[in-house]
Amino acid sequence: MATIVTTARSLTLTLMLTVFLRVVLSQDIPYYMHRCERDAADVNDCLRYAANKLASFIRRGIPEIGIVDVEPVVVDEISIALGSGPDGYRASFRNIEAYGVSNLSIVNVRSDIDSMQFQMTIEIPKIKATAQYQSSGVLLLIQASGAGEYWGEYEGVKAKTYFKATPYQGDDGMTYLTVDQTKMDFSVKEIKMGVENIANQNAIIHAAMNLFINTNAQELLKEMKPQLRTKLTEHLHSFLQQLFDRIPVEQWLE
């Protein structure tokens, strides 16, 4: 009987300690966070405010959660193909570095907190990108094989994102999230792009290529988009998981 009583007391104390720790830790809201009431009518507006507050500090770095340099966003490689046959134009872009992504604003949030599903609409004023460029084939009836440097400026970027997560209890008694699914799509209002420093290419061919690229920028982006969307979705998934591994739910929901 004494053993049962002791065990019961031990379990009760453990439960009380866990609850106490969760209450104490949840009251300690970091400077980069804002907490929302999950049952409030305006919870989505609150989550939008909280996400923008967090984004503003991420832009500058948050060493406490391991975020120091968020830019550039790096994509290893994407490629495009225009036309078929042996003379079809092929181009690859390697070591892509994008700047300006962290200047994002979250303009809309929709959530189902019970199932931990979230949709966000994000706007980015301008992204600048550079990459190592290599091409082969014919473009505008001109042999366009070569290698050089690519640059791009993308203005009015709008992205729609979705993610679903599963909560779990961490060793500290707090609730964390595992990101199960991430989706993303995006559009760009205005694009300027070009290639530079292509070896063994005369000025006329270079000018013709850049004219074609800028005249058909949206079509070229359309060709790049499937690969680019996949790569950026992977980046988003990884970044969200990094955040949710370090930021407990109790710091942004009550």
C-alpha atoms as a PDB file:
ATOM      1  CA  MET A   1       0.000   0.000   0.000  1.00  0.00           C
ATOM      2  CA  ALA A   2       2.827   2.370   0.939  1.00  0.00           C
ATOM      3  CA  THR A   3       4.488   1.656  -2.414  1.00  0.00           C
ATOM      4  CA  ILE A   4       1.295   2.558  -4.298  1.00  0.00           C
ATOM      5  CA  VAL A   5       0.934   5.810  -2.335  1.00  0.00           C
ATOM      6  CA  THR A   6       4.586   6.726  -2.957  1.00  0.00           C
ATOM      7  CA  THR A   7       4.238   6.001  -6.665  1.00  0.00           C
ATOM      8  CA  ALA A   8       1.057   8.071  -6.863  1.00  0.00           C
ATOM      9  CA  ARG A   9       2.742  10.982  -5.106  1.00  0.00           C
ATOM     10  CA  SER A  10       5.724  10.727  -7.435  1.00  0.00           C
ATOM     11  CA  LEU A  11       3.504  10.802 -10.512  1.00  0.00           C
ATOM     12  CA  THR A  12       1.536  13.729  -9.120  1.00  0.00           C
ATOM     13  CA  LEU A  13       4.714  15.690  -8.385  1.00  0.00           C
ATOM     14  CA  THR A  14       6.064  14.938 -11.862  1.00  0.00           C
ATOM     15  CA  LEU A  15       2.833  16.122 -13.451  1.00  0.00           C
ATOM     16  CA  MET A  16       2.768  19.266 -11.317  1.00  0.00           C
ATOM     17  CA  LEU A  17       6.403  20.005 -12.160  1.00  0.00           C
ATOM     18  CA  THR A  18       5.740  19.571 -15.878  1.00  0.00           C
ATOM     19  CA  VAL A  19       2.727  21.894 -15.731  1.00  0.00           C
ATOM     20  CA  PHE A  20       4.702  24.412 -13.659  1.00  0.00           C
ATOM     21  CA  LEU A  21       7.589  24.425 -16.122  1.00  0.00           C
ATOM     22  CA  ARG A  22       5.257  24.886 -19.064  1.00  0.00           C
ATOM     23  CA  VAL A  23       3.514  27.816 -17.371  1.00  0.00           C
ATOM     24  CA  VAL A  24       6.778  29.492 -16.346  1.00  0.00           C
ATOM     25  CA  LEU A  25       8.484  28.979 -19.692  1.00  0.00           C
ATOM     26  CA  SER A  26       5.425  30.059 -21.650  1.00  0.00           C
ATOM     27  CA  GLN A  27       5.386  33.362 -19.785  1.00  0.00           C
ATOM     28  CA  ASP A  28       8.934  34.086 -20.914  1.00  0.00           C
ATOM     29  CA  ILE A  29       8.214  35.385 -24.410  1.00  0.00           C
ATOM     30  CA  PRO A  30      11.407  36.237 -26.353  1.00  0.00           C
ATOM     31  CA  TYR A  31      11.815  39.725 -27.795  1.00  0.00           C
ATOM     32  CA  TYR A  32      11.347  38.425 -31.342  1.00  0.00           C
ATOM     33  CA  MET A  33       8.025  36.692 -30.648  1.00  0.00           C
ATOM     34  CA  HIS A  34       4.402  37.741 -30.211  1.00  0.00           C
ATOM     35  CA  ARG A  35       1.815  35.421 -28.704  1.00  0.00           C
ATOM     36  CA  CYS A  36      -1.741  35.023 -29.992  1.00  0.00           C
ATOM     37  CA  GLU A  37      -4.904  33.601 -28.457  1.00  0.00           C
ATOM     38  CA  ARG A  38      -5.769  30.508 -30.449  1.00  0.00           C
ATOM     39  CA  ASP A  39      -9.526  30.917 -29.930  1.00  0.00           C
ATOM     40  CA  ALA A  40      -9.660  34.649 -30.691  1.00  0.00           C
ATOM     41  CA  ALA A  41     -11.793  35.791 -33.608  1.00  0.00           C
ATOM     42  CA  ASP A  42      -8.860  37.758 -35.028  1.00  0.00           C
ATOM     43  CA  VAL A  43      -6.276  35.011 -34.566  1.00  0.00           C
ATOM     44  CA  ASN A  44      -5.242  35.137 -38.236  1.00  0.00           C
ATOM     45  CA  ASP A  45      -4.553  38.867 -38.048  1.00  0.00           C
ATOM     46  CA  CYS A  46      -2.577  38.269 -34.866  1.00  0.00           C
ATOM     47  CA  LEU A  47      -0.576  35.470 -36.492  1.00  0.00           C
ATOM     48  CA  ARG A  48       0.183  37.773 -39.434  1.00  0.00           C
ATOM     49  CA  TYR A  49       1.476  40.417 -37.011  1.00  0.00           C
ATOM     50  CA  ALA A  50       3.524  37.800 -35.131  1.00  0.00           C
ATOM     51  CA  ALA A  51       4.994  36.396 -38.358  1.00  0.00           C
ATOM     52  CA  ASN A  52       5.995  39.862 -39.580  1.00  0.00           C
ATOM     53  CA  LYS A  53       7.572  40.670 -36.219  1.00  0.00           C
ATOM     54  CA  LEU A  54       9.586  37.445 -36.327  1.00  0.00           C
ATOM     55  CA  ALA A  55      10.581  38.110 -39.964  1.00  0.00           C
ATOM     56  CA  SER A  56      11.875  41.569 -39.080  1.00  0.00           C
ATOM     57  CA  PHE A  57      14.243  40.074 -36.501  1.00  0.00           C
ATOM     58  CA  ILE A  58      15.238  37.152 -38.745  1.00  0.00           C
ATOM     59  CA  ARG A  59      16.337  39.772 -41.272  1.00  0.00           C
ATOM     60  CA  ARG A  60      18.888  41.014 -38.726  1.00  0.00           C
ATOM     61  CA  GLY A  61      19.697  37.597 -37.285  1.00  0.00           C
ATOM     62  CA  ILE A  62      18.593  35.860 -34.081  1.00  0.00           C
ATOM     63  CA  PRO A  63      21.683  34.154 -32.612  1.00  0.00           C
ATOM     64  CA  GLU A  64      19.621  32.727 -29.737  1.00  0.00           C
ATOM     65  CA  ILE A  65      17.934  30.294 -32.125  1.00  0.00           C
ATOM     66  CA  GLY A  66      20.874  29.775 -34.459  1.00  0.00           C
ATOM     67  CA  ILE A  67      19.848  32.232 -37.182  1.00  0.00           C
ATOM     68  CA  VAL A  68      22.722  34.481 -38.199  1.00  0.00           C
ATOM     69  CA  ASP A  69      22.965  34.995 -41.959  1.00  0.00           C
ATOM     70  CA  VAL A  70      19.764  34.337 -43.887  1.00  0.00           C
ATOM     71  CA  GLU A  71      21.060  35.697 -47.175  1.00  0.00           C
ATOM     72  CA  PRO A  72      21.882  34.861 -49.790  1.00  0.00           C
ATOM     73  CA  VAL A  73      19.380  32.114 -50.440  1.00  0.00           C
ATOM     74  CA  VAL A  74      21.379  29.566 -52.440  1.00  0.00           C
ATOM     75  CA  VAL A  75      20.001  27.195 -55.094  1.00  0.00           C
ATOM     76  CA  ASP A  76      22.473  24.684 -56.491  1.00  0.00           C
ATOM     77  CA  GLU A  77      21.261  24.383 -60.076  1.00  0.00           C
ATOM     78  CA  ILE A  78      18.308  24.738 -62.433  1.00  0.00           C
ATOM     79  CA  SER A  79      18.132  24.298 -66.209  1.00  0.00           C
ATOM     80  CA  ILE A  80      15.891  25.160 -69.143  1.00  0.00           C
ATOM     81  CA  ALA A  81      15.366  23.754 -72.644  1.00  0.00           C
ATOM     82  CA  LEU A  82      13.900  25.674 -75.576  1.00  0.00           C
ATOM     83  CA  GLY A  83      13.232  23.710 -78.737  1.00  0.00           C
ATOM     84  CA  SER A  84      14.065  20.109 -79.537  1.00  0.00           C
ATOM     85  CA  GLY A  85      16.640  18.278 -81.597  1.00  0.00           C
ATOM     86  CA  PRO A  86      20.427  18.607 -81.584  1.00  0.00           C
ATOM     87  CA  ASP A  87      20.283  22.389 -82.049  1.00  0.00           C
ATOM     88  CA  GLY A  88      17.732  23.012 -79.299  1.00  0.00           C
ATOM     89  CA  TYR A  89      18.796  25.709 -76.855  1.00  0.00           C
ATOM     90  CA  ARG A  90      19.860  24.418 -73.439  1.00  0.00           C
ATOM     91  CA  ALA A  91      20.981  26.511 -70.498  1.00  0.00           C
ATOM     92  CA  SER A  92      21.955  25.698 -66.928  1.00  0.00           C
ATOM     93  CA  PHE A  93      22.328  28.061 -63.993  1.00  0.00           C
ATOM     94  CA  ARG A  94      24.582  26.946 -61.151  1.00  0.00           C
ATOM     95  CA  ASN A  95      25.380  28.376 -57.724  1.00  0.00           C
ATOM     96  CA  ILE A  96      22.390  30.703 -57.796  1.00  0.00           C
ATOM     97  CA  GLU A  97      22.517  33.339 -55.048  1.00  0.00           C
ATOM     98  CA  ALA A  98      19.400  35.396 -54.315  1.00  0.00           C
ATOM     99  CA  TYR A  99      19.348  38.579 -52.256  1.00  0.00           C
ATOM    100  CA  GLY A 100      16.335  40.478 -50.944  1.00  0.00           C
ATOM    101  CA  VAL A 101      14.204  37.487 -49.958  1.00  0.00           C
ATOM    102  CA  SER A 102      14.382  38.435 -46.273  1.00  0.00           C
ATOM    103  CA  ASN A 103      12.633  41.757 -47.033  1.00  0.00           C
ATOM    104  CA  LEU A 104       9.384  39.845 -47.221  1.00  0.00           C
ATOM    105  CA  SER A 105       6.048  40.890 -45.760  1.00  0.00           C
ATOM    106  CA  ILE A 106       3.284  38.489 -44.783  1.00  0.00           C
ATOM    107  CA  VAL A 107       0.086  40.080 -46.065  1.00  0.00           C
ATOM    108  CA  ASN A 108      -2.412  37.344 -45.281  1.00  0.00           C
ATOM    109  CA  VAL A 109      -2.684  34.303 -42.995  1.00  0.00           C
ATOM    110  CA  ARG A 110      -5.308  31.573 -42.878  1.00  0.00           C
ATOM    111  CA  SER A 111      -5.086  28.898 -40.224  1.00  0.00           C
ATOM    112  CA  ASP A 112      -6.682  25.777 -38.814  1.00  0.00           C
ATOM    113  CA  ILE A 113      -4.940  25.597 -35.479  1.00  0.00           C
ATOM    114  CA  ASP A 114      -6.596  22.361 -34.371  1.00  0.00           C
ATOM    115  CA  SER A 115      -4.971  20.544 -37.301  1.00  0.00           C
ATOM    116  CA  MET A 116      -1.918  22.855 -37.403  1.00  0.00           C
ATOM    117  CA  GLN A 117      -2.461  23.900 -41.015  1.00  0.00           C
ATOM    118  CA  PHE A 118      -1.416  27.352 -42.203  1.00  0.00           C
ATOM    119  CA  GLN A 119      -1.573  29.312 -45.452  1.00  0.00           C
ATOM    120  CA  MET A 120       0.391  32.521 -45.938  1.00  0.00           C
ATOM    121  CA  THR A 121       0.556  35.071 -48.719  1.00  0.00           C
ATOM    122  CA  ILE A 122       3.970  36.709 -48.915  1.00  0.00           C
ATOM    123  CA  GLU A 123       5.135  39.745 -50.866  1.00  0.00           C
ATOM    124  CA  ILE A 124       8.749  40.650 -51.631  1.00  0.00           C
ATOM    125  CA  PRO A 125       9.505  44.010 -53.288  1.00  0.00           C
ATOM    126  CA  LYS A 126      12.631  42.960 -55.166  1.00  0.00           C
ATOM    127  CA  ILE A 127      14.994  40.007 -55.452  1.00  0.00           C
ATOM    128  CA  LYS A 128      18.392  40.180 -57.117  1.00  0.00           C
ATOM    129  CA  ALA A 129      20.030  36.968 -58.265  1.00  0.00           C
ATOM    130  CA  THR A 130      23.359  35.934 -59.755  1.00  0.00           C
ATOM    131  CA  ALA A 131      24.525  32.578 -61.104  1.00  0.00           C
ATOM    132  CA  GLN A 132      27.098  30.814 -63.238  1.00  0.00           C
ATOM    133  CA  TYR A 133      25.584  30.347 -66.690  1.00  0.00           C
ATOM    134  CA  GLN A 134      26.304  27.757 -69.364  1.00  0.00           C
ATOM    135  CA  SER A 135      24.443  27.200 -72.625  1.00  0.00           C
ATOM    136  CA  SER A 136      24.483  25.236 -75.850  1.00  0.00           C
ATOM    137  CA  GLY A 137      22.472  25.152 -79.064  1.00  0.00           C
ATOM    138  CA  VAL A 138      20.908  27.784 -81.289  1.00  0.00           C
ATOM    139  CA  LEU A 139      19.045  30.890 -80.145  1.00  0.00           C
ATOM    140  CA  LEU A 140      17.566  33.357 -82.656  1.00  0.00           C
ATOM    141  CA  LEU A 141      19.275  31.437 -85.493  1.00  0.00           C
ATOM    142  CA  ILE A 142      22.588  32.162 -83.766  1.00  0.00           C
ATOM    143  CA  GLN A 143      24.915  29.628 -82.211  1.00  0.00           C
ATOM    144  CA  ALA A 144      24.525  30.450 -78.522  1.00  0.00           C
ATOM    145  CA  SER A 145      26.938  28.058 -76.845  1.00  0.00           C
ATOM    146  CA  GLY A 146      29.062  29.546 -74.093  1.00  0.00           C
ATOM    147  CA  ALA A 147      29.515  30.158 -70.408  1.00  0.00           C
ATOM    148  CA  GLY A 148      29.437  33.292 -68.311  1.00  0.00           C
ATOM    149  CA  GLU A 149      27.600  35.112 -65.533  1.00  0.00           C
ATOM    150  CA  TYR A 150      23.838  35.434 -65.186  1.00  0.00           C
ATOM    151  CA  TRP A 151      22.050  38.250 -63.362  1.00  0.00           C
ATOM    152  CA  GLY A 152      18.386  38.787 -62.682  1.00  0.00           C
ATOM    153  CA  GLU A 153      16.173  41.365 -60.996  1.00  0.00           C
ATOM    154  CA  TYR A 154      12.694  40.272 -60.000  1.00  0.00           C
ATOM    155  CA  GLU A 155      10.223  42.924 -58.812  1.00  0.00           C
ATOM    156  CA  GLY A 156       6.786  42.448 -57.308  1.00  0.00           C
ATOM    157  CA  VAL A 157       7.307  38.880 -56.143  1.00  0.00           C
ATOM    158  CA  LYS A 158       4.224  37.265 -54.611  1.00  0.00           C
ATOM    159  CA  ALA A 159       4.262  33.814 -53.046  1.00  0.00           C
ATOM    160  CA  LYS A 160       1.534  31.631 -51.598  1.00  0.00           C
ATOM    161  CA  THR A 161       2.690  29.037 -49.099  1.00  0.00           C
ATOM    162  CA  TYR A 162       1.050  26.220 -47.157  1.00  0.00           C
ATOM    163  CA  PHE A 163       2.339  23.959 -44.448  1.00  0.00           C
ATOM    164  CA  LYS A 164       0.959  21.320 -42.115  1.00  0.00           C
ATOM    165  CA  ALA A 165       2.662  20.280 -38.892  1.00  0.00           C
ATOM    166  CA  THR A 166       2.339  17.751 -36.090  1.00  0.00           C
ATOM    167  CA  PRO A 167       2.912  18.792 -32.446  1.00  0.00           C
ATOM    168  CA  TYR A 168       5.057  16.818 -30.029  1.00  0.00           C
ATOM    169  CA  GLN A 169       6.296  17.335 -26.483  1.00  0.00           C
ATOM    170  CA  GLY A 170       9.969  18.170 -26.116  1.00  0.00           C
ATOM    171  CA  ASP A 171      12.273  17.110 -23.299  1.00  0.00           C
ATOM    172  CA  ASP A 172      11.669  20.499 -21.655  1.00  0.00           C
ATOM    173  CA  GLY A 173       7.919  19.865 -21.417  1.00  0.00           C
ATOM    174  CA  MET A 174       7.130  22.392 -24.145  1.00  0.00           C
ATOM    175  CA  THR A 175       5.269  21.722 -27.397  1.00  0.00           C
ATOM    176  CA  TYR A 176       7.210  21.748 -30.672  1.00  0.00           C
ATOM    177  CA  LEU A 177       6.201  21.082 -34.281  1.00  0.00           C
ATOM    178  CA  THR A 178       7.349  18.664 -36.944  1.00  0.00           C
ATOM    179  CA  VAL A 179       6.640  20.045 -40.421  1.00  0.00           C
ATOM    180  CA  ASP A 180       4.880  17.294 -42.385  1.00  0.00           C
ATOM    181  CA  GLN A 181       4.015  19.013 -45.632  1.00  0.00           C
ATOM    182  CA  THR A 182       4.996  22.219 -47.401  1.00  0.00           C
ATOM    183  CA  LYS A 183       3.678  23.722 -50.654  1.00  0.00           C
ATOM    184  CA  MET A 184       4.549  26.903 -52.463  1.00  0.00           C
ATOM    185  CA  ASP A 185       3.826  28.818 -55.649  1.00  0.00           C
ATOM    186  CA  PHE A 186       4.916  32.271 -56.784  1.00  0.00           C
ATOM    187  CA  SER A 187       4.582  34.937 -59.444  1.00  0.00           C
ATOM    188  CA  VAL A 188       6.777  37.854 -60.512  1.00  0.00           C
ATOM    189  CA  LYS A 189       5.394  41.112 -61.867  1.00  0.00           C
ATOM    190  CA  GLU A 190       8.491  42.494 -63.599  1.00  0.00           C
ATOM    191  CA  ILE A 191      11.725  40.758 -64.634  1.00  0.00           C
ATOM    192  CA  LYS A 192      15.036  42.006 -65.930  1.00  0.00           C
ATOM    193  CA  MET A 193      17.784  39.519 -66.662  1.00  0.00           C
ATOM    194  CA  GLY A 194      20.873  39.033 -68.742  1.00  0.00           C
ATOM    195  CA  VAL A 195      24.194  37.269 -69.213  1.00  0.00           C
ATOM    196  CA  GLU A 196      27.652  38.804 -69.054  1.00  0.00           C
ATOM    197  CA  ASN A 197      31.311  37.891 -69.570  1.00  0.00           C
ATOM    198  CA  ILE A 198      30.637  35.109 -72.051  1.00  0.00           C
ATOM    199  CA  ALA A 199      33.924  33.888 -73.484  1.00  0.00           C
ATOM    200  CA  ASN A 200      34.565  34.094 -77.222  1.00  0.00           C
ATOM    201  CA  GLN A 201      31.329  35.883 -78.029  1.00  0.00           C
ATOM    202  CA  ASN A 202      31.147  39.107 -79.982  1.00  0.00           C
ATOM    203  CA  ALA A 203      29.180  42.151 -78.895  1.00  0.00           C
ATOM    204  CA  ILE A 204      26.406  41.723 -81.483  1.00  0.00           C
ATOM    205  CA  ILE A 205      25.587  38.156 -80.423  1.00  0.00           C
ATOM    206  CA  HIS A 206      25.785  39.171 -76.778  1.00  0.00           C
ATOM    207  CA  ALA A 207      23.349  42.065 -77.334  1.00  0.00           C
ATOM    208  CA  ALA A 208      20.970  39.820 -79.314  1.00  0.00           C
ATOM    209  CA  MET A 209      20.945  37.205 -76.550  1.00  0.00           C
ATOM    210  CA  ASN A 210      20.195  39.752 -73.845  1.00  0.00           C
ATOM    211  CA  LEU A 211      17.461  41.328 -75.958  1.00  0.00           C
ATOM    212  CA  PHE A 212      15.852  37.917 -76.436  1.00  0.00           C
ATOM    213  CA  ILE A 213      16.173  37.074 -72.732  1.00  0.00           C
ATOM    214  CA  ASN A 214      14.538  40.311 -71.580  1.00  0.00           C
ATOM    215  CA  THR A 215      11.832  40.254 -74.251  1.00  0.00           C
ATOM    216  CA  ASN A 216      10.896  36.708 -73.240  1.00  0.00           C
ATOM    217  CA  ALA A 217      11.680  36.956 -69.518  1.00  0.00           C
ATOM    218  CA  GLN A 218       8.289  35.659 -68.329  1.00  0.00           C
ATOM    219  CA  GLU A 219       8.464  32.688 -70.704  1.00  0.00           C
ATOM    220  CA  LEU A 220      11.973  31.865 -69.526  1.00  0.00           C
ATOM    221  CA  LEU A 221      10.788  32.078 -65.914  1.00  0.00           C
ATOM    222  CA  LYS A 222       7.936  29.734 -66.822  1.00  0.00           C
ATOM    223  CA  GLU A 223      10.512  27.205 -68.033  1.00  0.00           C
ATOM    224  CA  MET A 224      12.559  27.626 -64.855  1.00  0.00           C
ATOM    225  CA  LYS A 225       9.577  27.617 -62.514  1.00  0.00           C
ATOM    226  CA  PRO A 226       8.946  23.894 -61.909  1.00  0.00           C
ATOM    227  CA  GLN A 227      12.533  23.256 -60.805  1.00  0.00           C
ATOM    228  CA  LEU A 228      12.796  26.563 -58.989  1.00  0.00           C
ATOM    229  CA  ARG A 229       9.532  25.982 -57.124  1.00  0.00           C
ATOM    230  CA  THR A 230      10.713  22.542 -56.014  1.00  0.00           C
ATOM    231  CA  LYS A 231      14.049  23.890 -54.777  1.00  0.00           C
ATOM    232  CA  LEU A 232      12.469  26.854 -52.962  1.00  0.00           C
ATOM    233  CA  THR A 233       9.840  24.617 -51.353  1.00  0.00           C
ATOM    234  CA  GLU A 234      12.654  22.443 -49.990  1.00  0.00           C
ATOM    235  CA  HIS A 235      14.357  25.554 -48.617  1.00  0.00           C
ATOM    236  CA  LEU A 236      11.102  26.735 -47.033  1.00  0.00           C
ATOM    237  CA  HIS A 237      10.450  23.336 -45.460  1.00  0.00           C
ATOM    238  CA  SER A 238      13.959  23.192 -43.994  1.00  0.00           C
ATOM    239  CA  PHE A 239      13.774  26.765 -42.684  1.00  0.00           C
ATOM    240  CA  LEU A 240      10.368  26.262 -41.070  1.00  0.00           C
ATOM    241  CA  GLN A 241      11.623  23.114 -39.368  1.00  0.00           C
ATOM    242  CA  GLN A 242      14.657  24.986 -38.074  1.00  0.00           C
ATOM    243  CA  LEU A 243      12.333  27.588 -36.533  1.00  0.00           C
ATOM    244  CA  PHE A 244       9.886  25.100 -35.024  1.00  0.00           C
ATOM    245  CA  ASP A 245      12.725  23.020 -33.576  1.00  0.00           C
ATOM    246  CA  ARG A 246      13.752  26.076 -31.545  1.00  0.00           C
ATOM    247  CA  ILE A 247      10.519  27.991 -30.939  1.00  0.00           C
ATOM    248  CA  PRO A 248       7.894  26.187 -28.836  1.00  0.00           C
ATOM    249  CA  VAL A 249       4.222  26.635 -29.642  1.00  0.00           C
ATOM    250  CA  GLU A 250       3.651  28.184 -26.204  1.00  0.00           C
ATOM    251  CA  GLN A 251       5.693  31.217 -27.290  1.00  0.00           C
ATOM    252  CA  TRP A 252       3.317  32.102 -30.127  1.00  0.00           C
ATOM    253  CA  LEU A 253      -0.015  30.490 -29.170  1.00  0.00           C
ATOM    254  CA  GLU A 254      -2.003  30.398 -25.946  1.00  0.00           C
END
